[in-house]
């Protein structure tokens, strides 16, 4: 799996969002920057209150420092709260990621294989974008610093290795335009979101897993 292996969700052999590097950030902020951060968080949480579903396009860049390698992927995503997601990668390394409540399935089309496992916060790294479904309570989950346009999030508790997430904000209806996740080896995953549509009444059936006949399904340990 080009980016969802347990050993490499965003990291090479141990690059699973469990190894995301902590940036050396100064958390001492002026009163004005603290107010800016509060305003940004409030805007995100207000936006989430009205979101039932969303869809759009994405461009994802994985930078693997140890290998001096950068891979770029693109595709489309569909999300329905509380926790249904379909993440489709186009092109040579085409694959689909499905998350439905407590189940994750990664379907690698070219290999005619699928991998199924349980989803919980300990396996968070299997999809960086899954944080998009839970950003409505970010003060409970993260220590936050930054400005009105860029927020730096550090998990308050262990979150499958994620130690730093940078959110790039916009003035659009959906306030997050991009985010970067970094691990302890300075590897990063950068995801830019485009053409986002909110509350378009996405059907539950979109998230049904209907694999073609003959696909080998492998159960992964939790």
N, C-alpha and C. Protein backbone atom coordinates (compact mmCIF):
# COMPACT_ATOMS: atom_id res chain seq x y z
N UNK A 1 0.86 -1.19 0.00
CA UNK A 1 0.00 0.00 0.00
C UNK A 1 0.89 1.23 0.00
N UNK A 2 0.72 2.10 -0.97
CA UNK A 2 1.68 3.17 -1.12
C UNK A 2 1.71 4.09 0.06
N UNK A 3 0.63 4.12 0.87
CA UNK A 3 0.77 4.98 2.01
C UNK A 3 -0.02 4.56 3.20
N UNK A 4 -0.67 3.41 3.10
CA UNK A 4 -1.49 3.01 4.24
C UNK A 4 -1.01 1.73 4.89
N UNK A 5 0.19 1.25 4.57
CA UNK A 5 0.72 0.13 5.31
C UNK A 5 0.83 0.47 6.78
N UNK A 6 0.68 -0.51 7.63
CA UNK A 6 0.87 -0.24 9.04
C UNK A 6 2.28 0.25 9.29
N UNK A 7 3.25 -0.30 8.53
CA UNK A 7 4.62 0.14 8.72
C UNK A 7 4.89 1.45 8.01
N UNK A 8 3.98 1.88 7.14
CA UNK A 8 4.19 3.18 6.50
C UNK A 8 2.87 3.80 6.12
N UNK A 9 2.34 4.51 7.06
CA UNK A 9 1.14 5.26 6.75
C UNK A 9 1.56 6.57 6.15
N UNK A 10 2.50 7.19 6.75
CA UNK A 10 3.11 8.33 6.10
C UNK A 10 4.61 8.27 6.29
N UNK A 11 5.07 7.16 6.72
CA UNK A 11 6.49 7.05 6.95
C UNK A 11 6.99 5.77 6.31
N UNK A 12 8.28 5.66 5.98
CA UNK A 12 8.73 4.43 5.35
C UNK A 12 8.60 3.28 6.31
N UNK A 13 9.60 2.49 6.54
CA UNK A 13 9.43 1.29 7.32
C UNK A 13 8.80 1.55 8.67
N UNK A 14 9.00 2.65 9.30
CA UNK A 14 8.24 2.90 10.51
C UNK A 14 7.50 4.20 10.43
N UNK A 15 7.17 4.57 9.27
CA UNK A 15 6.45 5.82 9.05
C UNK A 15 4.95 5.60 9.09
N UNK A 16 4.38 5.24 10.15
CA UNK A 16 2.96 5.07 10.25
C UNK A 16 2.50 6.22 11.09
N UNK A 17 1.66 7.02 10.89
CA UNK A 17 1.41 8.26 11.62
C UNK A 17 1.75 8.12 13.07
N UNK A 18 2.23 6.96 13.47
CA UNK A 18 2.64 6.84 14.85
C UNK A 18 3.99 7.44 15.05
N UNK A 19 4.67 7.87 14.04
CA UNK A 19 6.02 8.41 14.19
C UNK A 19 6.11 9.85 13.73
N UNK A 20 5.11 10.63 13.84
CA UNK A 20 5.14 11.96 13.28
C UNK A 20 5.96 12.92 14.14
N UNK A 21 6.88 13.55 13.49
CA UNK A 21 7.87 14.36 14.21
C UNK A 21 7.31 15.58 14.91
N UNK A 22 7.84 15.80 16.12
CA UNK A 22 7.45 17.00 16.85
C UNK A 22 8.31 18.14 16.34
N UNK A 23 7.70 19.19 15.90
CA UNK A 23 8.46 20.36 15.45
C UNK A 23 8.90 21.15 16.69
N UNK A 24 10.05 21.78 16.58
CA UNK A 24 10.51 22.60 17.70
C UNK A 24 9.79 23.94 17.62
N UNK A 25 8.64 23.98 18.29
CA UNK A 25 7.80 25.17 18.22
C UNK A 25 7.86 25.94 19.53
N UNK A 26 7.95 27.25 19.45
CA UNK A 26 7.85 28.08 20.65
C UNK A 26 6.40 28.30 20.94
N UNK A 27 5.96 27.85 22.12
CA UNK A 27 4.55 27.96 22.45
C UNK A 27 4.24 29.23 23.23
N UNK A 28 5.22 30.11 23.36
CA UNK A 28 4.98 31.38 24.03
C UNK A 28 4.38 32.34 23.03
N UNK A 29 3.13 32.75 23.23
CA UNK A 29 2.42 33.59 22.29
C UNK A 29 2.06 34.90 22.97
N UNK A 30 1.96 35.95 22.20
CA UNK A 30 1.47 37.22 22.71
C UNK A 30 -0.03 37.14 22.90
N UNK A 31 -0.58 38.09 23.63
CA UNK A 31 -2.02 38.10 23.85
C UNK A 31 -2.77 38.20 22.54
N UNK A 32 -2.24 38.99 21.59
CA UNK A 32 -2.94 39.16 20.31
C UNK A 32 -2.94 37.87 19.52
N UNK A 33 -1.79 37.11 19.52
CA UNK A 33 -1.75 35.86 18.76
C UNK A 33 -2.64 34.82 19.42
N UNK A 34 -2.75 34.83 20.74
CA UNK A 34 -3.65 33.91 21.42
C UNK A 34 -5.09 34.20 21.02
N UNK A 35 -5.44 35.47 20.89
CA UNK A 35 -6.79 35.83 20.45
C UNK A 35 -7.03 35.37 19.03
N UNK A 36 -6.02 35.52 18.17
CA UNK A 36 -6.15 35.07 16.78
C UNK A 36 -6.40 33.57 16.73
N UNK A 37 -5.67 32.83 17.55
CA UNK A 37 -5.84 31.38 17.60
C UNK A 37 -7.24 31.02 18.06
N UNK A 38 -7.71 31.70 19.09
CA UNK A 38 -9.06 31.45 19.60
C UNK A 38 -10.10 31.70 18.50
N UNK A 39 -9.92 32.78 17.76
CA UNK A 39 -10.85 33.10 16.67
C UNK A 39 -10.85 32.01 15.60
N UNK A 40 -9.66 31.51 15.27
CA UNK A 40 -9.56 30.47 14.24
C UNK A 40 -10.22 29.18 14.70
N UNK A 41 -9.97 28.80 15.95
CA UNK A 41 -10.58 27.58 16.49
C UNK A 41 -12.10 27.72 16.52
N UNK A 42 -12.59 28.87 16.95
CA UNK A 42 -14.03 29.09 17.01
C UNK A 42 -14.66 29.00 15.62
N UNK A 43 -13.96 29.51 14.62
CA UNK A 43 -14.47 29.46 13.25
C UNK A 43 -14.56 28.02 12.75
N UNK A 44 -13.53 27.23 13.04
CA UNK A 44 -13.55 25.82 12.64
C UNK A 44 -14.70 25.08 13.31
N UNK A 45 -14.82 25.27 14.62
CA UNK A 45 -15.86 24.54 15.36
C UNK A 45 -17.26 24.96 14.92
N UNK A 46 -17.44 26.23 14.62
CA UNK A 46 -18.74 26.68 14.14
C UNK A 46 -19.07 26.06 12.79
N UNK A 47 -18.07 25.98 11.92
CA UNK A 47 -18.29 25.35 10.60
C UNK A 47 -18.67 23.89 10.75
N UNK A 48 -18.02 23.18 11.68
CA UNK A 48 -18.30 21.76 11.86
C UNK A 48 -19.71 21.51 12.38
N UNK A 49 -20.24 22.44 13.12
CA UNK A 49 -21.58 22.26 13.67
C UNK A 49 -22.62 22.07 12.58
N UNK A 50 -22.39 22.68 11.41
CA UNK A 50 -23.38 22.61 10.35
C UNK A 50 -23.09 21.59 9.26
N UNK A 51 -21.99 20.85 9.40
CA UNK A 51 -21.59 19.91 8.35
C UNK A 51 -22.16 18.52 8.61
N UNK A 52 -22.90 18.01 7.65
CA UNK A 52 -23.38 16.62 7.70
C UNK A 52 -22.55 15.73 6.79
N UNK A 53 -22.16 16.28 5.64
CA UNK A 53 -21.29 15.54 4.73
C UNK A 53 -20.49 16.53 3.90
N UNK A 54 -19.45 16.02 3.26
CA UNK A 54 -18.62 16.86 2.40
C UNK A 54 -17.90 15.98 1.40
N UNK A 55 -17.54 16.60 0.27
CA UNK A 55 -16.79 15.90 -0.75
C UNK A 55 -15.92 16.90 -1.48
N UNK A 56 -14.92 16.39 -2.18
CA UNK A 56 -14.03 17.29 -2.90
C UNK A 56 -12.87 16.52 -3.52
N UNK A 57 -11.89 17.28 -3.99
CA UNK A 57 -10.68 16.72 -4.59
C UNK A 57 -9.51 16.96 -3.65
N UNK A 58 -8.45 16.19 -3.83
CA UNK A 58 -7.27 16.37 -2.99
C UNK A 58 -6.00 16.13 -3.80
N UNK A 59 -4.94 16.74 -3.34
CA UNK A 59 -3.58 16.44 -3.80
C UNK A 59 -2.76 16.13 -2.56
N UNK A 60 -2.09 15.01 -2.57
CA UNK A 60 -1.34 14.56 -1.39
C UNK A 60 0.11 14.35 -1.76
N UNK A 61 1.00 14.90 -0.95
CA UNK A 61 2.43 14.74 -1.17
C UNK A 61 3.05 14.09 0.05
N UNK A 62 3.72 12.96 -0.16
CA UNK A 62 4.44 12.26 0.90
C UNK A 62 5.93 12.50 0.72
N UNK A 63 6.55 13.08 1.71
CA UNK A 63 7.99 13.35 1.66
C UNK A 63 8.68 12.42 2.65
N UNK A 64 9.47 11.49 2.13
CA UNK A 64 10.17 10.50 2.95
C UNK A 64 11.63 10.90 3.03
N UNK A 65 12.00 11.52 4.12
CA UNK A 65 13.33 12.11 4.22
C UNK A 65 14.42 11.05 4.19
N UNK A 66 14.23 9.94 4.89
CA UNK A 66 15.26 8.90 4.95
C UNK A 66 15.64 8.39 3.57
N UNK A 67 14.68 8.35 2.68
CA UNK A 67 14.92 7.84 1.33
C UNK A 67 15.11 8.95 0.31
N UNK A 68 15.05 10.20 0.79
CA UNK A 68 15.14 11.34 -0.11
C UNK A 68 14.16 11.20 -1.27
N UNK A 69 12.91 10.90 -0.91
CA UNK A 69 11.91 10.57 -1.91
C UNK A 69 10.63 11.34 -1.65
N UNK A 70 10.02 11.79 -2.74
CA UNK A 70 8.73 12.47 -2.65
C UNK A 70 7.75 11.82 -3.62
N UNK A 71 6.59 11.42 -3.10
CA UNK A 71 5.54 10.84 -3.93
C UNK A 71 4.32 11.76 -3.87
N UNK A 72 3.70 11.96 -5.03
CA UNK A 72 2.52 12.82 -5.10
C UNK A 72 1.34 12.02 -5.64
N UNK A 73 0.19 12.16 -4.99
CA UNK A 73 -1.02 11.45 -5.37
C UNK A 73 -2.17 12.44 -5.46
N UNK A 74 -3.21 12.06 -6.17
CA UNK A 74 -4.40 12.92 -6.24
C UNK A 74 -5.62 12.04 -6.37
N UNK A 75 -6.78 12.63 -6.11
CA UNK A 75 -8.02 11.87 -6.21
C UNK A 75 -9.18 12.66 -5.65
N UNK A 76 -10.17 11.93 -5.15
CA UNK A 76 -11.35 12.57 -4.59
C UNK A 76 -11.72 11.91 -3.27
N UNK A 77 -12.44 12.65 -2.44
CA UNK A 77 -12.84 12.11 -1.15
C UNK A 77 -14.30 12.43 -0.87
N UNK A 78 -14.90 11.57 -0.05
CA UNK A 78 -16.29 11.73 0.39
C UNK A 78 -16.32 11.43 1.88
N UNK A 79 -16.97 12.29 2.64
CA UNK A 79 -17.05 12.11 4.10
C UNK A 79 -18.48 12.34 4.54
N UNK A 80 -18.95 11.45 5.40
CA UNK A 80 -20.26 11.64 6.01
C UNK A 80 -20.12 11.41 7.50
N UNK A 81 -20.50 12.39 8.27
CA UNK A 81 -20.39 12.26 9.71
C UNK A 81 -21.47 11.35 10.26
N UNK A 82 -21.18 10.62 11.37
CA UNK A 82 -20.02 10.81 12.22
C UNK A 82 -18.73 10.17 11.72
N UNK A 83 -18.75 9.05 11.05
CA UNK A 83 -17.49 8.45 10.61
C UNK A 83 -17.70 7.49 9.44
N UNK A 84 -17.97 8.06 8.29
CA UNK A 84 -17.96 7.29 7.05
C UNK A 84 -17.10 8.06 6.07
N UNK A 85 -16.24 7.35 5.36
CA UNK A 85 -15.31 8.02 4.47
C UNK A 85 -14.93 7.12 3.30
N UNK A 86 -14.79 7.74 2.14
CA UNK A 86 -14.24 7.06 0.98
C UNK A 86 -13.18 7.99 0.39
N UNK A 87 -12.00 7.45 0.22
CA UNK A 87 -10.86 8.22 -0.22
C UNK A 87 -10.29 7.49 -1.43
N UNK A 88 -10.43 8.04 -2.62
CA UNK A 88 -10.09 7.35 -3.86
C UNK A 88 -8.85 7.98 -4.49
N UNK A 89 -7.82 7.16 -4.64
CA UNK A 89 -6.57 7.59 -5.27
C UNK A 89 -6.59 7.20 -6.75
N UNK A 90 -6.30 8.17 -7.61
CA UNK A 90 -6.31 7.95 -9.05
C UNK A 90 -4.91 7.63 -9.57
N UNK A 91 -4.86 7.24 -10.84
CA UNK A 91 -3.57 7.07 -11.50
C UNK A 91 -2.96 5.70 -11.31
N UNK A 92 -1.61 5.66 -11.46
CA UNK A 92 -0.90 4.39 -11.45
C UNK A 92 -1.09 3.61 -10.17
N UNK A 93 -1.01 4.28 -9.04
CA UNK A 93 -1.12 3.60 -7.74
C UNK A 93 -2.55 3.70 -7.23
N UNK A 94 -3.51 3.41 -8.10
CA UNK A 94 -4.92 3.60 -7.73
C UNK A 94 -5.32 2.65 -6.59
N UNK A 95 -6.04 3.20 -5.64
CA UNK A 95 -6.57 2.42 -4.54
C UNK A 95 -7.70 3.20 -3.88
N UNK A 96 -8.55 2.48 -3.18
CA UNK A 96 -9.66 3.09 -2.45
C UNK A 96 -9.47 2.82 -0.97
N UNK A 97 -9.72 3.83 -0.17
CA UNK A 97 -9.75 3.68 1.28
C UNK A 97 -11.18 3.88 1.74
N UNK A 98 -11.72 2.92 2.47
CA UNK A 98 -13.06 3.02 3.04
C UNK A 98 -12.94 3.01 4.55
N UNK A 99 -13.63 3.92 5.20
CA UNK A 99 -13.78 3.87 6.65
C UNK A 99 -15.27 3.95 6.95
N UNK A 100 -15.76 2.98 7.68
CA UNK A 100 -17.16 2.98 8.07
C UNK A 100 -17.24 2.59 9.53
N UNK A 101 -17.44 3.60 10.37
CA UNK A 101 -17.52 3.40 11.81
C UNK A 101 -16.25 2.76 12.36
N UNK A 102 -16.25 1.47 12.64
CA UNK A 102 -15.08 0.85 13.26
C UNK A 102 -14.30 -0.04 12.30
N UNK A 103 -14.51 0.10 11.00
CA UNK A 103 -13.85 -0.76 10.02
C UNK A 103 -13.12 0.07 8.97
N UNK A 104 -11.89 -0.34 8.66
CA UNK A 104 -11.10 0.28 7.60
C UNK A 104 -10.82 -0.79 6.54
N UNK A 105 -11.04 -0.45 5.28
CA UNK A 105 -10.68 -1.35 4.18
C UNK A 105 -9.88 -0.55 3.16
N UNK A 106 -8.74 -1.08 2.77
CA UNK A 106 -7.92 -0.50 1.72
C UNK A 106 -7.89 -1.46 0.55
N UNK A 107 -8.41 -1.01 -0.58
CA UNK A 107 -8.52 -1.85 -1.78
C UNK A 107 -7.48 -1.39 -2.80
N UNK A 108 -6.48 -2.23 -3.03
CA UNK A 108 -5.44 -1.95 -4.01
C UNK A 108 -5.84 -2.57 -5.34
N UNK A 109 -6.29 -1.73 -6.24
CA UNK A 109 -6.89 -2.23 -7.48
C UNK A 109 -5.89 -2.98 -8.34
N UNK A 110 -4.69 -2.44 -8.51
CA UNK A 110 -3.71 -3.07 -9.37
C UNK A 110 -3.26 -4.42 -8.89
N UNK A 111 -3.26 -4.64 -7.57
CA UNK A 111 -2.83 -5.91 -6.99
C UNK A 111 -3.98 -6.88 -6.77
N UNK A 112 -5.21 -6.40 -7.02
CA UNK A 112 -6.40 -7.23 -6.79
C UNK A 112 -6.45 -7.74 -5.35
N UNK A 113 -6.10 -6.84 -4.43
CA UNK A 113 -6.05 -7.20 -3.02
C UNK A 113 -6.73 -6.13 -2.17
N UNK A 114 -7.26 -6.55 -1.03
CA UNK A 114 -7.84 -5.60 -0.08
C UNK A 114 -7.39 -5.99 1.32
N UNK A 115 -7.27 -4.98 2.18
CA UNK A 115 -6.82 -5.18 3.55
C UNK A 115 -7.85 -4.58 4.48
N UNK A 116 -8.32 -5.39 5.42
CA UNK A 116 -9.38 -4.95 6.32
C UNK A 116 -8.87 -5.00 7.76
N UNK A 117 -9.20 -3.95 8.53
CA UNK A 117 -8.81 -3.93 9.93
C UNK A 117 -9.81 -3.09 10.71
N UNK A 118 -9.69 -3.12 12.02
CA UNK A 118 -10.53 -2.30 12.88
C UNK A 118 -9.99 -0.88 12.91
N UNK A 119 -10.89 0.07 12.95
CA UNK A 119 -10.48 1.46 13.07
C UNK A 119 -10.76 1.97 14.48
N UNK A 120 -9.75 2.57 15.07
CA UNK A 120 -9.91 3.29 16.33
C UNK A 120 -8.80 4.32 16.39
N UNK A 121 -8.70 5.05 17.46
CA UNK A 121 -7.70 6.11 17.52
C UNK A 121 -6.28 5.56 17.50
N UNK A 122 -6.11 4.31 17.91
CA UNK A 122 -4.78 3.73 17.87
C UNK A 122 -4.34 3.43 16.44
N UNK A 123 -5.29 3.33 15.52
CA UNK A 123 -4.94 3.11 14.12
C UNK A 123 -5.22 4.35 13.30
N UNK A 124 -5.27 5.48 13.98
CA UNK A 124 -5.55 6.76 13.35
C UNK A 124 -4.70 6.99 12.11
N UNK A 125 -3.44 6.59 12.17
CA UNK A 125 -2.52 6.86 11.09
C UNK A 125 -2.89 6.24 9.77
N UNK A 126 -3.82 5.32 9.74
CA UNK A 126 -4.21 4.72 8.47
C UNK A 126 -4.85 5.73 7.54
N UNK A 127 -5.22 6.87 8.04
CA UNK A 127 -5.76 7.90 7.18
C UNK A 127 -5.63 9.27 7.82
N UNK A 128 -4.66 10.04 7.36
CA UNK A 128 -4.52 11.36 7.94
C UNK A 128 -5.79 12.18 7.86
N UNK A 129 -6.55 12.01 6.80
CA UNK A 129 -7.73 12.84 6.61
C UNK A 129 -8.88 12.46 7.51
N UNK A 130 -8.76 11.36 8.22
CA UNK A 130 -9.85 11.02 9.12
C UNK A 130 -10.01 12.09 10.19
N UNK A 131 -8.96 12.87 10.42
CA UNK A 131 -9.11 13.95 11.40
C UNK A 131 -10.14 14.97 10.94
N UNK A 132 -10.47 14.97 9.66
CA UNK A 132 -11.47 15.92 9.17
C UNK A 132 -12.85 15.66 9.76
N UNK A 133 -13.10 14.44 10.21
CA UNK A 133 -14.41 14.14 10.76
C UNK A 133 -14.52 14.53 12.23
N UNK A 134 -13.38 14.80 12.87
CA UNK A 134 -13.42 15.04 14.31
C UNK A 134 -12.82 16.35 14.75
N UNK A 135 -12.74 17.32 13.83
CA UNK A 135 -12.08 18.56 14.16
C UNK A 135 -12.98 19.50 14.95
N UNK A 136 -14.18 19.07 15.26
CA UNK A 136 -15.09 19.94 15.97
C UNK A 136 -14.77 20.12 17.45
N UNK A 137 -13.90 19.27 18.01
CA UNK A 137 -13.54 19.38 19.43
C UNK A 137 -12.03 19.46 19.59
N UNK A 138 -11.39 20.30 18.78
CA UNK A 138 -9.94 20.24 18.73
C UNK A 138 -9.28 20.68 20.03
N UNK A 139 -9.93 21.52 20.83
CA UNK A 139 -9.30 21.93 22.07
C UNK A 139 -9.21 20.77 23.06
N UNK A 140 -10.14 19.83 22.95
CA UNK A 140 -10.09 18.66 23.83
C UNK A 140 -8.97 17.71 23.44
N UNK A 141 -8.65 17.66 22.14
CA UNK A 141 -7.71 16.67 21.63
C UNK A 141 -6.29 17.21 21.48
N UNK A 142 -6.14 18.54 21.29
CA UNK A 142 -4.84 19.08 20.92
C UNK A 142 -4.46 20.31 21.75
N UNK A 143 -3.15 20.51 21.89
CA UNK A 143 -2.59 21.78 22.34
C UNK A 143 -2.40 22.62 21.09
N UNK A 144 -2.88 23.85 21.10
CA UNK A 144 -2.97 24.64 19.88
C UNK A 144 -2.16 25.92 20.00
N UNK A 145 -1.43 26.24 18.93
CA UNK A 145 -0.75 27.54 18.83
C UNK A 145 -0.86 27.98 17.37
N UNK A 146 -0.44 29.22 17.09
CA UNK A 146 -0.47 29.68 15.71
C UNK A 146 -1.15 31.01 15.54
N UNK A 147 -1.77 31.19 14.37
CA UNK A 147 -2.41 32.45 14.01
C UNK A 147 -3.79 32.16 13.45
N UNK A 148 -4.45 33.20 12.93
CA UNK A 148 -5.77 33.00 12.33
C UNK A 148 -5.69 32.22 11.03
N UNK A 149 -4.52 32.19 10.40
CA UNK A 149 -4.37 31.52 9.11
C UNK A 149 -3.67 30.18 9.19
N UNK A 150 -2.88 29.97 10.24
CA UNK A 150 -2.13 28.72 10.38
C UNK A 150 -2.20 28.28 11.84
N UNK A 151 -2.68 27.07 12.07
CA UNK A 151 -2.73 26.51 13.42
C UNK A 151 -1.78 25.33 13.52
N UNK A 152 -1.08 25.24 14.64
CA UNK A 152 -0.22 24.10 14.94
C UNK A 152 -0.89 23.28 16.04
N UNK A 153 -1.14 22.01 15.77
CA UNK A 153 -1.81 21.14 16.73
C UNK A 153 -0.84 20.06 17.22
N UNK A 154 -0.81 19.88 18.54
CA UNK A 154 -0.05 18.78 19.12
C UNK A 154 -0.99 17.95 19.97
N UNK A 155 -1.09 16.66 19.73
CA UNK A 155 -2.02 15.83 20.49
C UNK A 155 -1.73 15.87 21.99
N UNK A 156 -2.80 15.97 22.78
CA UNK A 156 -2.65 15.95 24.23
C UNK A 156 -2.30 14.54 24.72
N UNK A 157 -2.79 13.53 24.00
CA UNK A 157 -2.51 12.14 24.34
C UNK A 157 -1.97 11.45 23.09
N UNK A 158 -1.40 10.29 23.29
CA UNK A 158 -0.86 9.53 22.17
C UNK A 158 -1.93 9.31 21.11
N UNK A 159 -1.62 9.61 19.87
CA UNK A 159 -2.56 9.48 18.77
C UNK A 159 -1.86 8.80 17.60
N UNK A 160 -1.55 7.54 17.78
CA UNK A 160 -0.89 6.73 16.75
C UNK A 160 0.34 7.41 16.20
N UNK A 161 1.08 8.09 17.07
CA UNK A 161 2.34 8.66 16.65
C UNK A 161 2.28 10.08 16.13
N UNK A 162 1.10 10.63 15.93
CA UNK A 162 1.01 11.99 15.45
C UNK A 162 1.50 12.93 16.54
N UNK A 163 2.49 13.75 16.21
CA UNK A 163 2.97 14.71 17.20
C UNK A 163 2.80 16.15 16.74
N UNK A 164 2.54 16.35 15.45
CA UNK A 164 2.36 17.72 14.98
C UNK A 164 1.50 17.72 13.72
N UNK A 165 0.46 18.54 13.72
CA UNK A 165 -0.37 18.76 12.54
C UNK A 165 -0.49 20.26 12.32
N UNK A 166 -0.17 20.70 11.13
CA UNK A 166 -0.30 22.11 10.78
C UNK A 166 -1.51 22.28 9.88
N UNK A 167 -2.46 23.11 10.30
CA UNK A 167 -3.65 23.40 9.51
C UNK A 167 -3.49 24.74 8.83
N UNK A 168 -3.74 24.76 7.52
CA UNK A 168 -3.74 26.00 6.75
C UNK A 168 -5.20 26.36 6.49
N UNK A 169 -5.61 27.54 6.94
CA UNK A 169 -7.02 27.88 6.95
C UNK A 169 -7.39 28.81 5.79
N UNK A 170 -8.68 28.81 5.47
CA UNK A 170 -9.19 29.68 4.41
C UNK A 170 -10.45 30.37 4.91
N UNK A 171 -10.97 31.29 4.10
CA UNK A 171 -12.20 32.00 4.45
C UNK A 171 -13.43 31.35 3.82
N UNK A 172 -13.26 30.18 3.21
CA UNK A 172 -14.37 29.50 2.54
C UNK A 172 -15.30 28.86 3.57
N UNK A 173 -16.42 28.29 3.08
CA UNK A 173 -17.39 27.65 3.98
C UNK A 173 -16.73 26.55 4.81
N UNK A 174 -15.85 25.77 4.17
CA UNK A 174 -15.07 24.79 4.94
C UNK A 174 -13.72 25.42 5.22
N UNK A 175 -13.39 25.66 6.49
CA UNK A 175 -12.27 26.54 6.82
C UNK A 175 -10.87 25.94 6.70
N UNK A 176 -10.74 24.64 6.41
CA UNK A 176 -9.42 24.02 6.29
C UNK A 176 -9.13 23.79 4.81
N UNK A 177 -8.08 24.42 4.29
CA UNK A 177 -7.75 24.23 2.88
C UNK A 177 -6.61 23.23 2.68
N UNK A 178 -5.81 23.02 3.74
CA UNK A 178 -4.70 22.07 3.64
C UNK A 178 -4.19 21.75 5.03
N UNK A 179 -3.51 20.60 5.15
CA UNK A 179 -2.84 20.29 6.41
C UNK A 179 -1.62 19.44 6.17
N UNK A 180 -0.67 19.55 7.09
CA UNK A 180 0.60 18.83 7.01
C UNK A 180 0.81 18.07 8.30
N UNK A 181 1.15 16.80 8.17
CA UNK A 181 1.43 15.94 9.32
C UNK A 181 2.91 15.56 9.26
N UNK A 182 3.59 15.69 10.38
CA UNK A 182 5.03 15.43 10.39
C UNK A 182 5.39 14.43 11.48
N UNK A 183 6.40 13.61 11.22
CA UNK A 183 6.78 12.58 12.18
C UNK A 183 8.19 12.80 12.72
N UNK A 184 8.59 11.90 13.61
CA UNK A 184 9.86 12.05 14.29
C UNK A 184 11.08 11.88 13.42
N UNK A 185 10.90 11.44 12.20
CA UNK A 185 12.02 11.33 11.27
C UNK A 185 11.99 12.42 10.21
N UNK A 186 11.18 13.42 10.46
CA UNK A 186 11.04 14.56 9.55
C UNK A 186 10.39 14.18 8.23
N UNK A 187 9.68 13.06 8.20
CA UNK A 187 8.85 12.73 7.06
C UNK A 187 7.53 13.48 7.18
N UNK A 188 6.95 13.83 6.07
CA UNK A 188 5.69 14.58 6.12
C UNK A 188 4.68 14.06 5.11
N UNK A 189 3.42 14.28 5.43
CA UNK A 189 2.32 14.12 4.48
C UNK A 189 1.63 15.47 4.39
N UNK A 190 1.54 15.99 3.19
CA UNK A 190 0.85 17.26 2.96
C UNK A 190 -0.38 16.98 2.11
N UNK A 191 -1.54 17.46 2.55
CA UNK A 191 -2.78 17.23 1.83
C UNK A 191 -3.47 18.56 1.57
N UNK A 192 -3.70 18.86 0.31
CA UNK A 192 -4.43 20.07 -0.09
C UNK A 192 -5.83 19.67 -0.55
N UNK A 193 -6.83 20.36 -0.07
CA UNK A 193 -8.22 20.07 -0.41
C UNK A 193 -8.73 21.11 -1.40
N UNK A 194 -9.50 20.63 -2.40
CA UNK A 194 -9.98 21.52 -3.45
C UNK A 194 -11.45 21.23 -3.75
N UNK A 195 -12.12 22.23 -4.32
CA UNK A 195 -13.49 22.09 -4.82
C UNK A 195 -14.41 21.40 -3.80
N UNK A 196 -14.34 21.84 -2.57
CA UNK A 196 -15.11 21.20 -1.50
C UNK A 196 -16.58 21.61 -1.59
N UNK A 197 -17.44 20.62 -1.49
CA UNK A 197 -18.88 20.84 -1.46
C UNK A 197 -19.42 20.28 -0.15
N UNK A 198 -20.24 21.06 0.53
CA UNK A 198 -20.75 20.69 1.84
C UNK A 198 -22.24 20.41 1.77
N UNK A 199 -22.66 19.37 2.50
CA UNK A 199 -24.08 19.01 2.63
C UNK A 199 -24.77 18.82 1.28
N UNK A 200 -24.18 17.94 0.47
CA UNK A 200 -24.76 17.61 -0.83
C UNK A 200 -25.59 16.34 -0.78
N UNK A 201 -25.91 15.90 0.44
CA UNK A 201 -26.77 14.73 0.64
C UNK A 201 -26.14 13.45 0.07
N UNK A 202 -24.93 13.16 0.50
CA UNK A 202 -24.24 11.94 0.08
C UNK A 202 -24.97 10.72 0.64
N UNK A 203 -25.23 9.76 -0.20
CA UNK A 203 -25.96 8.56 0.21
C UNK A 203 -25.04 7.58 0.96
N UNK A 204 -25.61 6.88 1.93
CA UNK A 204 -24.84 5.88 2.67
C UNK A 204 -24.27 4.80 1.76
N UNK A 205 -24.99 4.50 0.69
CA UNK A 205 -24.58 3.43 -0.21
C UNK A 205 -23.22 3.70 -0.86
N UNK A 206 -22.81 4.97 -0.91
CA UNK A 206 -21.51 5.30 -1.49
C UNK A 206 -20.38 4.64 -0.71
N UNK A 207 -20.61 4.41 0.56
CA UNK A 207 -19.57 3.87 1.43
C UNK A 207 -19.64 2.35 1.57
N UNK A 208 -20.58 1.73 0.85
CA UNK A 208 -20.66 0.27 0.86
C UNK A 208 -19.46 -0.31 0.13
N UNK A 209 -18.90 -1.35 0.69
CA UNK A 209 -17.74 -1.98 0.08
C UNK A 209 -18.20 -3.10 -0.84
N UNK A 210 -18.17 -2.85 -2.13
CA UNK A 210 -18.55 -3.86 -3.11
C UNK A 210 -17.33 -4.20 -3.96
N UNK A 211 -16.52 -5.11 -3.45
CA UNK A 211 -15.29 -5.48 -4.15
C UNK A 211 -15.60 -6.39 -5.33
N UNK A 212 -14.85 -6.25 -6.42
CA UNK A 212 -15.04 -7.15 -7.56
C UNK A 212 -14.77 -8.60 -7.17
N UNK A 213 -15.39 -9.50 -7.90
CA UNK A 213 -15.20 -10.93 -7.65
C UNK A 213 -13.74 -11.29 -7.86
N UNK A 214 -13.22 -12.10 -6.94
CA UNK A 214 -11.85 -12.57 -7.07
C UNK A 214 -10.82 -11.77 -6.31
N UNK A 215 -11.22 -10.67 -5.67
CA UNK A 215 -10.29 -9.87 -4.89
C UNK A 215 -9.93 -10.61 -3.61
N UNK A 216 -8.65 -10.72 -3.32
CA UNK A 216 -8.19 -11.36 -2.09
C UNK A 216 -8.27 -10.36 -0.94
N UNK A 217 -8.98 -10.73 0.12
CA UNK A 217 -9.16 -9.86 1.28
C UNK A 217 -8.34 -10.41 2.44
N UNK A 218 -7.47 -9.56 2.98
CA UNK A 218 -6.60 -9.97 4.08
C UNK A 218 -7.02 -9.22 5.35
N UNK A 219 -7.23 -9.98 6.41
CA UNK A 219 -7.59 -9.39 7.69
C UNK A 219 -6.31 -8.97 8.41
N UNK A 220 -6.26 -7.71 8.83
CA UNK A 220 -5.08 -7.18 9.51
C UNK A 220 -5.33 -7.14 11.01
N UNK A 221 -4.30 -7.39 11.80
CA UNK A 221 -4.49 -7.35 13.27
C UNK A 221 -4.82 -5.94 13.72
N UNK A 222 -5.60 -5.82 14.79
CA UNK A 222 -5.97 -4.51 15.32
C UNK A 222 -4.78 -3.86 16.00
